[in-house]
Amino acid sequence: MFCPSCGVQLPDGTLYCQQCGWQEMRPVVGADNDPAMRMLIPIGRSPLAVIAGYAGLFAIIPIFAPFALLLGWLALRDLKKHPENGGKGRAIFAIVMGGLFSALLMLAVASIAISVANDG
């Protein structure tokens, strides 16, 4: 192997030339370009989509479900305006969870209302 900078012969696999100071640059895998870390850490995600994702988790407590639905919808609108951001999956998750548990909330409220009306 020869140094690409000065042409001196180097042992194979050398990353540094002692003659001229050349150093092989290897790409650094950091949180911003590692796909596994991007799934865990909200890098490059719409802040609204991140909030919507957490609201989707809290939607299992039905009182929070309408907020998850609203935040998911707002996050999708924000992502259309800023397509360079990610987080569409989180927004869709919030919409699905918010819609499901909002329907259950409405069903429970309707059931209670019917029960009260029949007793009165």
Protein backbone atom coordinates (compact mmCIF):
# COMPACT_ATOMS: atom_id res chain seq x y z
CA MET A 1 0.00 0.00 0.00
CA PHE A 2 1.24 3.48 -0.85
CA CYS A 3 0.37 6.75 0.91
CA PRO A 4 -2.13 8.62 -1.28
CA SER A 5 -0.58 11.91 -0.22
CA CYS A 6 3.19 11.47 -0.55
CA GLY A 7 3.57 8.08 -2.26
CA VAL A 8 5.72 6.45 0.43
CA GLN A 9 5.18 2.69 0.79
CA LEU A 10 3.19 1.78 3.89
CA PRO A 11 2.38 -1.60 5.46
CA ASP A 12 -1.03 -2.93 4.43
CA GLY A 13 -3.84 -1.73 6.68
CA THR A 14 -1.98 1.40 7.80
CA LEU A 15 -4.26 4.29 8.72
CA TYR A 16 -1.54 6.91 9.25
CA CYS A 17 1.56 7.99 7.28
CA GLN A 18 4.51 8.92 9.48
CA GLN A 19 6.22 10.61 6.53
CA CYS A 20 3.61 13.26 5.68
CA GLY A 21 0.96 12.92 8.37
CA TRP A 22 -1.77 11.61 6.07
CA GLN A 23 -4.56 9.90 7.95
CA GLU A 24 -7.30 7.74 6.50
CA MET A 25 -10.68 9.23 7.27
CA ARG A 26 -13.30 6.70 8.18
CA PRO A 27 -16.93 7.63 8.50
CA VAL A 28 -17.97 8.05 12.10
CA VAL A 29 -21.16 6.29 13.01
CA GLY A 30 -22.97 8.59 15.38
CA ALA A 31 -26.51 8.90 16.63
CA ASP A 32 -27.52 11.08 13.69
CA ASN A 33 -26.65 8.52 10.99
CA ASP A 34 -27.14 5.20 12.80
CA PRO A 35 -30.56 3.75 11.89
CA ALA A 36 -30.95 1.93 15.22
CA MET A 37 -30.28 5.09 17.21
CA ARG A 38 -32.64 7.10 14.99
CA MET A 39 -35.44 4.73 16.04
CA LEU A 40 -34.73 5.32 19.73
CA ILE A 41 -33.73 8.97 19.80
CA PRO A 42 -36.00 11.45 18.01
CA ILE A 43 -33.27 12.93 15.79
CA GLY A 44 -34.63 14.63 12.68
CA ARG A 45 -38.20 14.11 13.83
CA SER A 46 -40.97 16.65 13.96
CA PRO A 47 -41.35 17.71 17.61
CA LEU A 48 -45.11 17.56 17.15
CA ALA A 49 -44.85 13.97 15.91
CA VAL A 50 -42.78 13.02 18.96
CA ILE A 51 -45.37 14.58 21.29
CA ALA A 52 -48.16 12.87 19.35
CA GLY A 53 -46.40 9.52 19.72
CA TYR A 54 -46.28 9.88 23.49
CA ALA A 55 -49.90 11.04 23.54
CA GLY A 56 -50.73 7.86 21.61
CA LEU A 57 -49.17 5.84 24.41
CA PHE A 58 -51.21 7.72 27.01
CA ALA A 59 -54.37 7.19 24.94
CA ILE A 60 -54.93 3.89 26.76
CA ILE A 61 -56.26 6.18 29.49
CA PRO A 62 -59.35 7.18 27.49
CA ILE A 63 -59.49 10.78 28.70
CA PHE A 64 -56.21 11.41 26.80
CA ALA A 65 -57.38 9.71 23.60
CA PRO A 66 -58.96 12.77 21.93
CA PHE A 67 -55.75 14.72 22.53
CA ALA A 68 -53.72 11.93 20.89
CA LEU A 69 -56.06 12.00 17.90
CA LEU A 70 -55.76 15.78 17.55
CA LEU A 71 -51.97 15.81 18.02
CA GLY A 72 -51.52 13.00 15.49
CA TRP A 73 -53.54 14.91 12.92
CA LEU A 74 -51.60 18.13 13.61
CA ALA A 75 -48.31 16.23 13.33
CA LEU A 76 -49.26 14.88 9.90
CA ARG A 77 -50.10 18.40 8.76
CA ASP A 78 -46.74 19.62 10.09
CA LEU A 79 -44.93 16.79 8.27
CA LYS A 80 -46.56 17.80 4.98
CA LYS A 81 -45.19 21.31 5.46
CA HIS A 82 -41.73 20.02 6.48
CA PRO A 83 -41.08 16.79 4.51
CA GLU A 84 -37.43 16.76 5.60
CA ASN A 85 -38.53 15.72 9.11
CA GLY A 86 -39.42 12.20 10.09
CA GLY A 87 -42.00 10.91 12.52
CA LYS A 88 -44.89 9.91 10.29
CA GLY A 89 -45.12 6.55 12.04
CA ARG A 90 -45.48 8.23 15.42
CA ALA A 91 -48.21 10.51 14.08
CA ILE A 92 -50.13 7.60 12.57
CA PHE A 93 -49.74 5.64 15.81
CA ALA A 94 -51.26 8.58 17.71
CA ILE A 95 -54.17 8.77 15.27
CA VAL A 96 -54.89 5.05 15.49
CA MET A 97 -54.63 4.86 19.28
CA GLY A 98 -56.47 8.15 19.74
CA GLY A 99 -59.26 7.08 17.41
CA LEU A 100 -59.64 3.65 18.97
CA PHE A 101 -59.73 4.83 22.56
CA SER A 102 -61.84 7.90 21.71
CA ALA A 103 -64.43 5.52 20.28
CA LEU A 104 -64.28 3.47 23.48
CA LEU A 105 -64.64 6.66 25.53
CA MET A 106 -67.71 7.72 23.54
CA LEU A 107 -69.17 4.23 23.91
CA ALA A 108 -68.66 4.35 27.69
CA VAL A 109 -70.21 7.83 27.95
CA ALA A 110 -73.18 6.77 25.83
CA SER A 111 -73.62 3.64 27.94
CA ILE A 112 -73.61 5.68 31.14
CA ALA A 113 -76.05 8.21 29.65
CA ILE A 114 -78.46 5.43 28.61
CA SER A 115 -78.18 3.82 32.02
CA VAL A 116 -78.95 7.11 33.80
CA ALA A 117 -81.88 7.80 31.46
CA ASN A 118 -83.40 4.37 32.09
CA ASP A 119 -83.06 4.74 35.86
CA GLY A 120 -84.65 8.20 35.93
